[in-house]
Amino acid sequence: SLQNLQLQNNKIGDSGAQYLADGLKVNKTLTYLHLAQNQIGDTGAKHLADALTLNKSLTYLDIGTNKIGDNGAQQIAEGLKVNKVNYIVIHSLEADSDTFTDVLY
């Protein structure tokens, strides 16, 4: 069973993030997901956030260097509140750097 998925720099965009999120909602084994440099925006972030509220296995998430703005970042942060992710990489997003901090702390 798949535990580590590295999809960085694949330009999956929002539609790819949606398909991936659909899989994450039911996945029980994936612990590491690397999605940096994929042109994911707020729409894709919303799909990922929805998946984070249901997925209980993911512990590492890298969404750095994507087009996620304040709205998408806030959605992801809300999804992280009920998830077991304990390490997230969020560098070089379009979101204000305080967006995650304000929601998570």
PDB file of N, CA and C in Angstrom:
ATOM      1  N   SER A   1       0.833  -1.190   0.000  1.00  0.00           N
ATOM      2  CA  SER A   1       0.000   0.000   0.000  1.00  0.00           C
ATOM      3  C   SER A   1       0.877   1.253   0.000  1.00  0.00           C
ATOM      4  N   LEU A   2       0.439   2.242  -0.704  1.00  0.00           N
ATOM      5  CA  LEU A   2       1.183   3.482  -0.906  1.00  0.00           C
ATOM      6  C   LEU A   2       1.250   4.303   0.374  1.00  0.00           C
ATOM      7  N   GLN A   3       2.470   4.695   0.761  1.00  0.00           N
ATOM      8  CA  GLN A   3       2.660   5.520   1.952  1.00  0.00           C
ATOM      9  C   GLN A   3       3.288   6.865   1.635  1.00  0.00           C
ATOM     10  N   ASN A   4       4.020   6.954   0.536  1.00  0.00           N
ATOM     11  CA  ASN A   4       4.778   8.145   0.187  1.00  0.00           C
ATOM     12  C   ASN A   4       4.481   8.521  -1.258  1.00  0.00           C
ATOM     13  N   LEU A   5       3.982   9.735  -1.491  1.00  0.00           N
ATOM     14  CA  LEU A   5       3.657  10.179  -2.843  1.00  0.00           C
ATOM     15  C   LEU A   5       4.315  11.526  -3.097  1.00  0.00           C
ATOM     16  N   GLN A   6       5.247  11.545  -4.055  1.00  0.00           N
ATOM     17  CA  GLN A   6       5.968  12.768  -4.379  1.00  0.00           C
ATOM     18  C   GLN A   6       5.571  13.225  -5.776  1.00  0.00           C
ATOM     19  N   LEU A   7       4.756  14.250  -5.828  1.00  0.00           N
ATOM     20  CA  LEU A   7       4.248  14.779  -7.099  1.00  0.00           C
ATOM     21  C   LEU A   7       4.733  16.201  -7.360  1.00  0.00           C
ATOM     22  N   GLN A   8       5.810  16.609  -6.717  1.00  0.00           N
ATOM     23  CA  GLN A   8       6.278  17.972  -6.884  1.00  0.00           C
ATOM     24  C   GLN A   8       6.636  18.274  -8.337  1.00  0.00           C
ATOM     25  N   ASN A   9       6.388  19.544  -8.722  1.00  0.00           N
ATOM     26  CA  ASN A   9       6.741  20.061 -10.046  1.00  0.00           C
ATOM     27  C   ASN A   9       6.078  19.290 -11.187  1.00  0.00           C
ATOM     28  N   ASN A  10       4.793  18.998 -11.043  1.00  0.00           N
ATOM     29  CA  ASN A  10       4.047  18.292 -12.077  1.00  0.00           C
ATOM     30  C   ASN A  10       2.923  19.111 -12.692  1.00  0.00           C
ATOM     31  N   LYS A  11       2.740  20.341 -12.235  1.00  0.00           N
ATOM     32  CA  LYS A  11       1.730  21.250 -12.792  1.00  0.00           C
ATOM     33  C   LYS A  11       0.330  20.637 -12.788  1.00  0.00           C
ATOM     34  N   ILE A  12      -0.041  19.992 -11.694  1.00  0.00           N
ATOM     35  CA  ILE A  12      -1.362  19.359 -11.651  1.00  0.00           C
ATOM     36  C   ILE A  12      -2.491  20.383 -11.546  1.00  0.00           C
ATOM     37  N   GLY A  13      -2.198  21.560 -11.031  1.00  0.00           N
ATOM     38  CA  GLY A  13      -3.195  22.626 -10.945  1.00  0.00           C
ATOM     39  C   GLY A  13      -4.366  22.275 -10.042  1.00  0.00           C
ATOM     40  N   ASP A  14      -5.402  23.097 -10.145  1.00  0.00           N
ATOM     41  CA  ASP A  14      -6.583  22.907  -9.303  1.00  0.00           C
ATOM     42  C   ASP A  14      -7.343  21.628  -9.634  1.00  0.00           C
ATOM     43  N   SER A  15      -7.425  21.294 -10.925  1.00  0.00           N
ATOM     44  CA  SER A  15      -8.181  20.088 -11.293  1.00  0.00           C
ATOM     45  C   SER A  15      -7.463  18.830 -10.818  1.00  0.00           C
ATOM     46  N   GLY A  16      -6.152  18.804 -10.927  1.00  0.00           N
ATOM     47  CA  GLY A  16      -5.396  17.663 -10.418  1.00  0.00           C
ATOM     48  C   GLY A  16      -5.495  17.547  -8.911  1.00  0.00           C
ATOM     49  N   ALA A  17      -5.502  18.700  -8.243  1.00  0.00           N
ATOM     50  CA  ALA A  17      -5.648  18.705  -6.785  1.00  0.00           C
ATOM     51  C   ALA A  17      -7.010  18.151  -6.385  1.00  0.00           C
ATOM     52  N   GLN A  18      -8.020  18.433  -7.201  1.00  0.00           N
ATOM     53  CA  GLN A  18      -9.359  17.912  -6.907  1.00  0.00           C
ATOM     54  C   GLN A  18      -9.372  16.386  -6.999  1.00  0.00           C
ATOM     55  N   TYR A  19      -8.792  15.839  -8.052  1.00  0.00           N
ATOM     56  CA  TYR A  19      -8.743  14.377  -8.192  1.00  0.00           C
ATOM     57  C   TYR A  19      -7.947  13.746  -7.051  1.00  0.00           C
ATOM     58  N   LEU A  20      -6.831  14.362  -6.723  1.00  0.00           N
ATOM     59  CA  LEU A  20      -6.006  13.859  -5.635  1.00  0.00           C
ATOM     60  C   LEU A  20      -6.756  13.916  -4.305  1.00  0.00           C
ATOM     61  N   ALA A  21      -7.463  15.011  -4.080  1.00  0.00           N
ATOM     62  CA  ALA A  21      -8.242  15.172  -2.846  1.00  0.00           C
ATOM     63  C   ALA A  21      -9.326  14.109  -2.732  1.00  0.00           C
ATOM     64  N   ASP A  22      -9.952  13.793  -3.851  1.00  0.00           N
ATOM     65  CA  ASP A  22     -10.979  12.741  -3.834  1.00  0.00           C
ATOM     66  C   ASP A  22     -10.389  11.417  -3.350  1.00  0.00           C
ATOM     67  N   GLY A  23      -9.178  11.117  -3.787  1.00  0.00           N
ATOM     68  CA  GLY A  23      -8.508   9.902  -3.334  1.00  0.00           C
ATOM     69  C   GLY A  23      -8.093   9.970  -1.878  1.00  0.00           C
ATOM     70  N   LEU A  24      -7.636  11.142  -1.451  1.00  0.00           N
ATOM     71  CA  LEU A  24      -7.217  11.314  -0.060  1.00  0.00           C
ATOM     72  C   LEU A  24      -8.358  11.111   0.925  1.00  0.00           C
ATOM     73  N   LYS A  25      -9.555  11.433   0.493  1.00  0.00           N
ATOM     74  CA  LYS A  25     -10.712  11.312   1.389  1.00  0.00           C
ATOM     75  C   LYS A  25     -10.926   9.878   1.867  1.00  0.00           C
ATOM     76  N   VAL A  26     -10.555   8.914   1.045  1.00  0.00           N
ATOM     77  CA  VAL A  26     -10.786   7.510   1.397  1.00  0.00           C
ATOM     78  C   VAL A  26      -9.499   6.737   1.690  1.00  0.00           C
ATOM     79  N   ASN A  27      -8.348   7.356   1.434  1.00  0.00           N
ATOM     80  CA  ASN A  27      -7.072   6.687   1.645  1.00  0.00           C
ATOM     81  C   ASN A  27      -6.776   6.525   3.133  1.00  0.00           C
ATOM     82  N   LYS A  28      -6.221   5.369   3.485  1.00  0.00           N
ATOM     83  CA  LYS A  28      -5.918   5.087   4.885  1.00  0.00           C
ATOM     84  C   LYS A  28      -4.440   4.784   5.124  1.00  0.00           C
ATOM     85  N   THR A  29      -3.602   4.884   4.079  1.00  0.00           N
ATOM     86  CA  THR A  29      -2.203   4.493   4.238  1.00  0.00           C
ATOM     87  C   THR A  29      -1.195   5.595   3.932  1.00  0.00           C
ATOM     88  N   LEU A  30      -1.555   6.575   3.138  1.00  0.00           N
ATOM     89  CA  LEU A  30      -0.611   7.616   2.734  1.00  0.00           C
ATOM     90  C   LEU A  30      -0.241   8.491   3.930  1.00  0.00           C
ATOM     91  N   THR A  31       1.059   8.618   4.187  1.00  0.00           N
ATOM     92  CA  THR A  31       1.517   9.454   5.298  1.00  0.00           C
ATOM     93  C   THR A  31       2.294  10.678   4.819  1.00  0.00           C
ATOM     94  N   TYR A  32       2.854  10.634   3.613  1.00  0.00           N
ATOM     95  CA  TYR A  32       3.740  11.686   3.111  1.00  0.00           C
ATOM     96  C   TYR A  32       3.258  12.138   1.736  1.00  0.00           C
ATOM     97  N   LEU A  33       2.943  13.424   1.600  1.00  0.00           N
ATOM     98  CA  LEU A  33       2.460  13.956   0.324  1.00  0.00           C
ATOM     99  C   LEU A  33       3.210  15.237  -0.014  1.00  0.00           C
ATOM    100  N   HIS A  34       3.941  15.214  -1.123  1.00  0.00           N
ATOM    101  CA  HIS A  34       4.750  16.350  -1.565  1.00  0.00           C
ATOM    102  C   HIS A  34       4.119  16.933  -2.835  1.00  0.00           C
ATOM    103  N   LEU A  35       3.517  18.117  -2.691  1.00  0.00           N
ATOM    104  CA  LEU A  35       2.805  18.764  -3.800  1.00  0.00           C
ATOM    105  C   LEU A  35       3.392  20.122  -4.181  1.00  0.00           C
ATOM    106  N   ALA A  36       4.642  20.375  -3.851  1.00  0.00           N
ATOM    107  CA  ALA A  36       5.254  21.669  -4.157  1.00  0.00           C
ATOM    108  C   ALA A  36       5.323  21.901  -5.666  1.00  0.00           C
ATOM    109  N   GLN A  37       5.265  23.164  -6.058  1.00  0.00           N
ATOM    110  CA  GLN A  37       5.429  23.590  -7.454  1.00  0.00           C
ATOM    111  C   GLN A  37       4.448  22.907  -8.402  1.00  0.00           C
ATOM    112  N   ASN A  38       3.177  23.007  -8.085  1.00  0.00           N
ATOM    113  CA  ASN A  38       2.160  22.372  -8.915  1.00  0.00           C
ATOM    114  C   ASN A  38       1.084  23.322  -9.421  1.00  0.00           C
ATOM    115  N   GLN A  39       1.271  24.614  -9.249  1.00  0.00           N
ATOM    116  CA  GLN A  39       0.312  25.615  -9.730  1.00  0.00           C
ATOM    117  C   GLN A  39      -1.080  25.424  -9.124  1.00  0.00           C
ATOM    118  N   ILE A  40      -1.114  24.973  -7.890  1.00  0.00           N
ATOM    119  CA  ILE A  40      -2.382  24.809  -7.180  1.00  0.00           C
ATOM    120  C   ILE A  40      -2.789  26.161  -6.609  1.00  0.00           C
ATOM    121  N   GLY A  41      -4.029  26.562  -6.876  1.00  0.00           N
ATOM    122  CA  GLY A  41      -4.552  27.828  -6.375  1.00  0.00           C
ATOM    123  C   GLY A  41      -5.559  27.608  -5.263  1.00  0.00           C
ATOM    124  N   ASP A  42      -6.356  28.643  -5.004  1.00  0.00           N
ATOM    125  CA  ASP A  42      -7.335  28.574  -3.919  1.00  0.00           C
ATOM    126  C   ASP A  42      -8.380  27.479  -4.127  1.00  0.00           C
ATOM    127  N   THR A  43      -8.790  27.255  -5.376  1.00  0.00           N
ATOM    128  CA  THR A  43      -9.789  26.216  -5.652  1.00  0.00           C
ATOM    129  C   THR A  43      -9.237  24.835  -5.304  1.00  0.00           C
ATOM    130  N   GLY A  44      -8.026  24.560  -5.745  1.00  0.00           N
ATOM    131  CA  GLY A  44      -7.390  23.284  -5.413  1.00  0.00           C
ATOM    132  C   GLY A  44      -7.146  23.141  -3.926  1.00  0.00           C
ATOM    133  N   ALA A  45      -6.789  24.248  -3.285  1.00  0.00           N
ATOM    134  CA  ALA A  45      -6.565  24.233  -1.839  1.00  0.00           C
ATOM    135  C   ALA A  45      -7.844  23.881  -1.096  1.00  0.00           C
ATOM    136  N   LYS A  46      -8.973  24.381  -1.581  1.00  0.00           N
ATOM    137  CA  LYS A  46     -10.263  24.060  -0.947  1.00  0.00           C
ATOM    138  C   LYS A  46     -10.524  22.561  -1.017  1.00  0.00           C
ATOM    139  N   HIS A  47     -10.265  21.963  -2.177  1.00  0.00           N
ATOM    140  CA  HIS A  47     -10.456  20.511  -2.321  1.00  0.00           C
ATOM    141  C   HIS A  47      -9.534  19.742  -1.371  1.00  0.00           C
ATOM    142  N   LEU A  48      -8.279  20.176  -1.293  1.00  0.00           N
ATOM    143  CA  LEU A  48      -7.342  19.514  -0.382  1.00  0.00           C
ATOM    144  C   LEU A  48      -7.775  19.687   1.072  1.00  0.00           C
ATOM    145  N   ALA A  49      -8.260  20.875   1.403  1.00  0.00           N
ATOM    146  CA  ALA A  49      -8.729  21.137   2.771  1.00  0.00           C
ATOM    147  C   ALA A  49      -9.891  20.223   3.137  1.00  0.00           C
ATOM    148  N   ASP A  50     -10.814  20.052   2.201  1.00  0.00           N
ATOM    149  CA  ASP A  50     -11.945  19.145   2.439  1.00  0.00           C
ATOM    150  C   ASP A  50     -11.449  17.725   2.705  1.00  0.00           C
ATOM    151  N   ALA A  51     -10.433  17.309   1.939  1.00  0.00           N
ATOM    152  CA  ALA A  51      -9.880  15.968   2.125  1.00  0.00           C
ATOM    153  C   ALA A  51      -9.179  15.847   3.475  1.00  0.00           C
ATOM    154  N   LEU A  52      -8.518  16.911   3.907  1.00  0.00           N
ATOM    155  CA  LEU A  52      -7.814  16.879   5.188  1.00  0.00           C
ATOM    156  C   LEU A  52      -8.756  16.652   6.362  1.00  0.00           C
ATOM    157  N   THR A  53      -9.990  17.083   6.219  1.00  0.00           N
ATOM    158  CA  THR A  53     -10.944  16.886   7.316  1.00  0.00           C
ATOM    159  C   THR A  53     -11.356  15.418   7.450  1.00  0.00           C
ATOM    160  N   LEU A  54     -11.154  14.636   6.393  1.00  0.00           N
ATOM    161  CA  LEU A  54     -11.546  13.223   6.415  1.00  0.00           C
ATOM    162  C   LEU A  54     -10.364  12.265   6.526  1.00  0.00           C
ATOM    163  N   ASN A  55      -9.227  12.643   5.960  1.00  0.00           N
ATOM    164  CA  ASN A  55      -8.060  11.767   5.956  1.00  0.00           C
ATOM    165  C   ASN A  55      -7.402  11.757   7.335  1.00  0.00           C
ATOM    166  N   LYS A  56      -7.123  10.574   7.834  1.00  0.00           N
ATOM    167  CA  LYS A  56      -6.529  10.437   9.168  1.00  0.00           C
ATOM    168  C   LYS A  56      -5.121   9.858   9.148  1.00  0.00           C
ATOM    169  N   SER A  57      -4.568   9.579   7.970  1.00  0.00           N
ATOM    170  CA  SER A  57      -3.254   8.944   7.919  1.00  0.00           C
ATOM    171  C   SER A  57      -2.121   9.909   7.577  1.00  0.00           C
ATOM    172  N   LEU A  58      -2.404  10.990   6.896  1.00  0.00           N
ATOM    173  CA  LEU A  58      -1.375  11.914   6.426  1.00  0.00           C
ATOM    174  C   LEU A  58      -0.701  12.626   7.597  1.00  0.00           C
ATOM    175  N   THR A  59       0.642  12.597   7.622  1.00  0.00           N
ATOM    176  CA  THR A  59       1.383  13.288   8.682  1.00  0.00           C
ATOM    177  C   THR A  59       2.322  14.356   8.131  1.00  0.00           C
ATOM    178  N   TYR A  60       2.628  14.327   6.829  1.00  0.00           N
ATOM    179  CA  TYR A  60       3.533  15.293   6.200  1.00  0.00           C
ATOM    180  C   TYR A  60       2.873  15.817   4.933  1.00  0.00           C
ATOM    181  N   LEU A  61       2.829  17.135   4.791  1.00  0.00           N
ATOM    182  CA  LEU A  61       2.240  17.758   3.606  1.00  0.00           C
ATOM    183  C   LEU A  61       3.103  18.929   3.166  1.00  0.00           C
ATOM    184  N   ASP A  62       3.553  18.903   1.922  1.00  0.00           N
ATOM    185  CA  ASP A  62       4.316  20.011   1.343  1.00  0.00           C
ATOM    186  C   ASP A  62       3.489  20.619   0.222  1.00  0.00           C
ATOM    187  N   ILE A  63       3.022  21.855   0.431  1.00  0.00           N
ATOM    188  CA  ILE A  63       2.273  22.587  -0.596  1.00  0.00           C
ATOM    189  C   ILE A  63       2.999  23.878  -0.970  1.00  0.00           C
ATOM    190  N   GLY A  64       4.290  23.933  -0.687  1.00  0.00           N
ATOM    191  CA  GLY A  64       5.079  25.129  -0.961  1.00  0.00           C
ATOM    192  C   GLY A  64       5.156  25.452  -2.447  1.00  0.00           C
ATOM    193  N   THR A  65       5.437  26.712  -2.742  1.00  0.00           N
ATOM    194  CA  THR A  65       5.602  27.215  -4.104  1.00  0.00           C
ATOM    195  C   THR A  65       4.400  26.866  -4.985  1.00  0.00           C
ATOM    196  N   ASN A  66       3.223  27.179  -4.497  1.00  0.00           N
ATOM    197  CA  ASN A  66       1.997  27.062  -5.273  1.00  0.00           C
ATOM    198  C   ASN A  66       1.318  28.428  -5.311  1.00  0.00           C
ATOM    199  N   LYS A  67       0.201  28.521  -5.976  1.00  0.00           N
ATOM    200  CA  LYS A  67      -0.503  29.794  -6.149  1.00  0.00           C
ATOM    201  C   LYS A  67      -1.620  29.986  -5.121  1.00  0.00           C
ATOM    202  N   ILE A  68      -1.457  29.380  -3.980  1.00  0.00           N
ATOM    203  CA  ILE A  68      -2.473  29.432  -2.928  1.00  0.00           C
ATOM    204  C   ILE A  68      -2.433  30.798  -2.246  1.00  0.00           C
ATOM    205  N   GLY A  69      -3.575  31.484  -2.275  1.00  0.00           N
ATOM    206  CA  GLY A  69      -3.696  32.792  -1.645  1.00  0.00           C
ATOM    207  C   GLY A  69      -4.257  32.686  -0.244  1.00  0.00           C
ATOM    208  N   ASP A  70      -4.657  33.833   0.303  1.00  0.00           N
ATOM    209  CA  ASP A  70      -5.160  33.871   1.679  1.00  0.00           C
ATOM    210  C   ASP A  70      -6.375  32.968   1.892  1.00  0.00           C
ATOM    211  N   ASN A  71      -7.305  32.983   0.943  1.00  0.00           N
ATOM    212  CA  ASN A  71      -8.519  32.171   1.087  1.00  0.00           C
ATOM    213  C   ASN A  71      -8.181  30.678   1.126  1.00  0.00           C
ATOM    214  N   GLY A  72      -7.373  30.233   0.182  1.00  0.00           N
ATOM    215  CA  GLY A  72      -6.983  28.826   0.149  1.00  0.00           C
ATOM    216  C   GLY A  72      -6.166  28.421   1.359  1.00  0.00           C
ATOM    217  N   ALA A  73      -5.283  29.313   1.800  1.00  0.00           N
ATOM    218  CA  ALA A  73      -4.462  29.032   2.976  1.00  0.00           C
ATOM    219  C   ALA A  73      -5.334  28.897   4.218  1.00  0.00           C
ATOM    220  N   GLN A  74      -6.328  29.744   4.319  1.00  0.00           N
ATOM    221  CA  GLN A  74      -7.224  29.664   5.473  1.00  0.00           C
ATOM    222  C   GLN A  74      -8.004  28.346   5.462  1.00  0.00           C
ATOM    223  N   GLN A  75      -8.439  27.930   4.272  1.00  0.00           N
ATOM    224  CA  GLN A  75      -9.168  26.655   4.153  1.00  0.00           C
ATOM    225  C   GLN A  75      -8.270  25.484   4.573  1.00  0.00           C
ATOM    226  N   ILE A  76      -7.020  25.481   4.076  1.00  0.00           N
ATOM    227  CA  ILE A  76      -6.076  24.418   4.442  1.00  0.00           C
ATOM    228  C   ILE A  76      -5.849  24.413   5.956  1.00  0.00           C
ATOM    229  N   ALA A  77      -5.645  25.587   6.521  1.00  0.00           N
ATOM    230  CA  ALA A  77      -5.409  25.687   7.964  1.00  0.00           C
ATOM    231  C   ALA A  77      -6.588  25.136   8.761  1.00  0.00           C
ATOM    232  N   GLU A  78      -7.791  25.417   8.307  1.00  0.00           N
ATOM    233  CA  GLU A  78      -8.983  24.883   8.981  1.00  0.00           C
ATOM    234  C   GLU A  78      -9.020  23.358   8.876  1.00  0.00           C
ATOM    235  N   GLY A  79      -8.669  22.829   7.702  1.00  0.00           N
ATOM    236  CA  GLY A  79      -8.628  21.378   7.529  1.00  0.00           C
ATOM    237  C   GLY A  79      -7.580  20.722   8.410  1.00  0.00           C
ATOM    238  N   LEU A  80      -6.473  21.426   8.641  1.00  0.00           N
ATOM    239  CA  LEU A  80      -5.403  20.882   9.474  1.00  0.00           C
ATOM    240  C   LEU A  80      -5.794  20.780  10.941  1.00  0.00           C
ATOM    241  N   LYS A  81      -6.777  21.543  11.347  1.00  0.00           N
ATOM    242  CA  LYS A  81      -7.204  21.510  12.748  1.00  0.00           C
ATOM    243  C   LYS A  81      -7.742  20.139  13.160  1.00  0.00           C
ATOM    244  N   VAL A  82      -8.277  19.393  12.215  1.00  0.00           N
ATOM    245  CA  VAL A  82      -8.865  18.088  12.534  1.00  0.00           C
ATOM    246  C   VAL A  82      -8.075  16.933  11.934  1.00  0.00           C
ATOM    247  N   ASN A  83      -6.889  17.222  11.433  1.00  0.00           N
ATOM    248  CA  ASN A  83      -6.068  16.217  10.783  1.00  0.00           C
ATOM    249  C   ASN A  83      -4.867  15.888  11.660  1.00  0.00           C
ATOM    250  N   LYS A  84      -4.167  14.801  11.319  1.00  0.00           N
ATOM    251  CA  LYS A  84      -2.990  14.391  12.077  1.00  0.00           C
ATOM    252  C   LYS A  84      -1.687  14.892  11.462  1.00  0.00           C
ATOM    253  N   VAL A  85      -1.762  15.774  10.476  1.00  0.00           N
ATOM    254  CA  VAL A  85      -0.549  16.330   9.876  1.00  0.00           C
ATOM    255  C   VAL A  85       0.235  17.045  10.973  1.00  0.00           C
ATOM    256  N   ASN A  86       1.504  16.651  11.125  1.00  0.00           N
ATOM    257  CA  ASN A  86       2.329  17.320  12.127  1.00  0.00           C
ATOM    258  C   ASN A  86       3.500  18.065  11.509  1.00  0.00           C
ATOM    259  N   TYR A  87       3.616  18.010  10.179  1.00  0.00           N
ATOM    260  CA  TYR A  87       4.664  18.750   9.484  1.00  0.00           C
ATOM    261  C   TYR A  87       4.096  19.251   8.166  1.00  0.00           C
ATOM    262  N   ILE A  88       4.081  20.568   7.985  1.00  0.00           N
ATOM    263  CA  ILE A  88       3.577  21.147   6.741  1.00  0.00           C
ATOM    264  C   ILE A  88       4.583  22.161   6.217  1.00  0.00           C
ATOM    265  N   VAL A  89       4.834  22.104   4.908  1.00  0.00           N
ATOM    266  CA  VAL A  89       5.723  23.057   4.248  1.00  0.00           C
ATOM    267  C   VAL A  89       4.849  24.019   3.461  1.00  0.00           C
ATOM    268  N   ILE A  90       4.982  25.319   3.758  1.00  0.00           N
ATOM    269  CA  ILE A  90       4.111  26.326   3.139  1.00  0.00           C
ATOM    270  C   ILE A  90       4.899  27.502   2.561  1.00  0.00           C
ATOM    271  N   HIS A  91       6.172  27.321   2.290  1.00  0.00           N
ATOM    272  CA  HIS A  91       6.983  28.427   1.783  1.00  0.00           C
ATOM    273  C   HIS A  91       6.540  28.882   0.395  1.00  0.00           C
ATOM    274  N   SER A  92       6.774  30.126   0.089  1.00  0.00           N
ATOM    275  CA  SER A  92       6.567  30.710  -1.246  1.00  0.00           C
ATOM    276  C   SER A  92       5.143  30.578  -1.774  1.00  0.00           C
ATOM    277  N   LEU A  93       4.164  30.747  -0.906  1.00  0.00           N
ATOM    278  CA  LEU A  93       2.773  30.807  -1.349  1.00  0.00           C
ATOM    279  C   LEU A  93       2.410  32.267  -1.603  1.00  0.00           C
ATOM    280  N   GLU A  94       1.297  32.491  -2.271  1.00  0.00           N
ATOM    281  CA  GLU A  94       0.824  33.847  -2.495  1.00  0.00           C
ATOM    282  C   GLU A  94       0.088  34.393  -1.275  1.00  0.00           C
ATOM    283  N   ALA A  95      -0.205  33.540  -0.324  1.00  0.00           N
ATOM    284  CA  ALA A  95      -0.928  33.937   0.892  1.00  0.00           C
ATOM    285  C   ALA A  95      -0.037  34.781   1.790  1.00  0.00           C
ATOM    286  N   ASP A  96      -0.660  35.618   2.581  1.00  0.00           N
ATOM    287  CA  ASP A  96       0.032  36.374   3.619  1.00  0.00           C
ATOM    288  C   ASP A  96       0.611  35.370   4.610  1.00  0.00           C
ATOM    289  N   SER A  97       1.812  35.592   5.044  1.00  0.00           N
ATOM    290  CA  SER A  97       2.480  34.621   5.920  1.00  0.00           C
ATOM    291  C   SER A  97       1.757  34.410   7.248  1.00  0.00           C
ATOM    292  N   ASP A  98       0.921  35.353   7.648  1.00  0.00           N
ATOM    293  CA  ASP A  98       0.207  35.220   8.920  1.00  0.00           C
ATOM    294  C   ASP A  98      -1.072  34.394   8.814  1.00  0.00           C
ATOM    295  N   THR A  99      -1.506  34.069   7.607  1.00  0.00           N
ATOM    296  CA  THR A  99      -2.785  33.380   7.435  1.00  0.00           C
ATOM    297  C   THR A  99      -2.832  32.061   8.198  1.00  0.00           C
ATOM    298  N   PHE A 100      -1.808  31.228   8.040  1.00  0.00           N
ATOM    299  CA  PHE A 100      -1.782  29.948   8.753  1.00  0.00           C
ATOM    300  C   PHE A 100      -1.641  30.166  10.251  1.00  0.00           C
ATOM    301  N   THR A 101      -0.774  31.060  10.628  1.00  0.00           N
ATOM    302  CA  THR A 101      -0.528  31.324  12.044  1.00  0.00           C
ATOM    303  C   THR A 101      -1.791  31.780  12.756  1.00  0.00           C
ATOM    304  N   ASP A 102      -2.534  32.676  12.126  1.00  0.00           N
ATOM    305  CA  ASP A 102      -3.754  33.205  12.741  1.00  0.00           C
ATOM    306  C   ASP A 102      -4.790  32.115  12.988  1.00  0.00           C
ATOM    307  N   VAL A 103      -4.887  31.159  12.092  1.00  0.00           N
ATOM    308  CA  VAL A 103      -5.907  30.116  12.212  1.00  0.00           C
ATOM    309  C   VAL A 103      -5.453  28.982  13.123  1.00  0.00           C
ATOM    310  N   LEU A 104      -4.196  28.610  13.046  1.00  0.00           N
ATOM    311  CA  LEU A 104      -3.718  27.442  13.783  1.00  0.00           C
ATOM    312  C   LEU A 104      -3.345  27.719  15.234  1.00  0.00           C
ATOM    313  N   TYR A 105      -3.098  28.959  15.559  1.00  0.00           N
ATOM    314  CA  TYR A 105      -2.682  29.270  16.947  1.00  0.00           C
ATOM    315  C   TYR A 105      -3.691  30.103  17.656  1.00  0.00           C
TER     316      TYR A 105
END
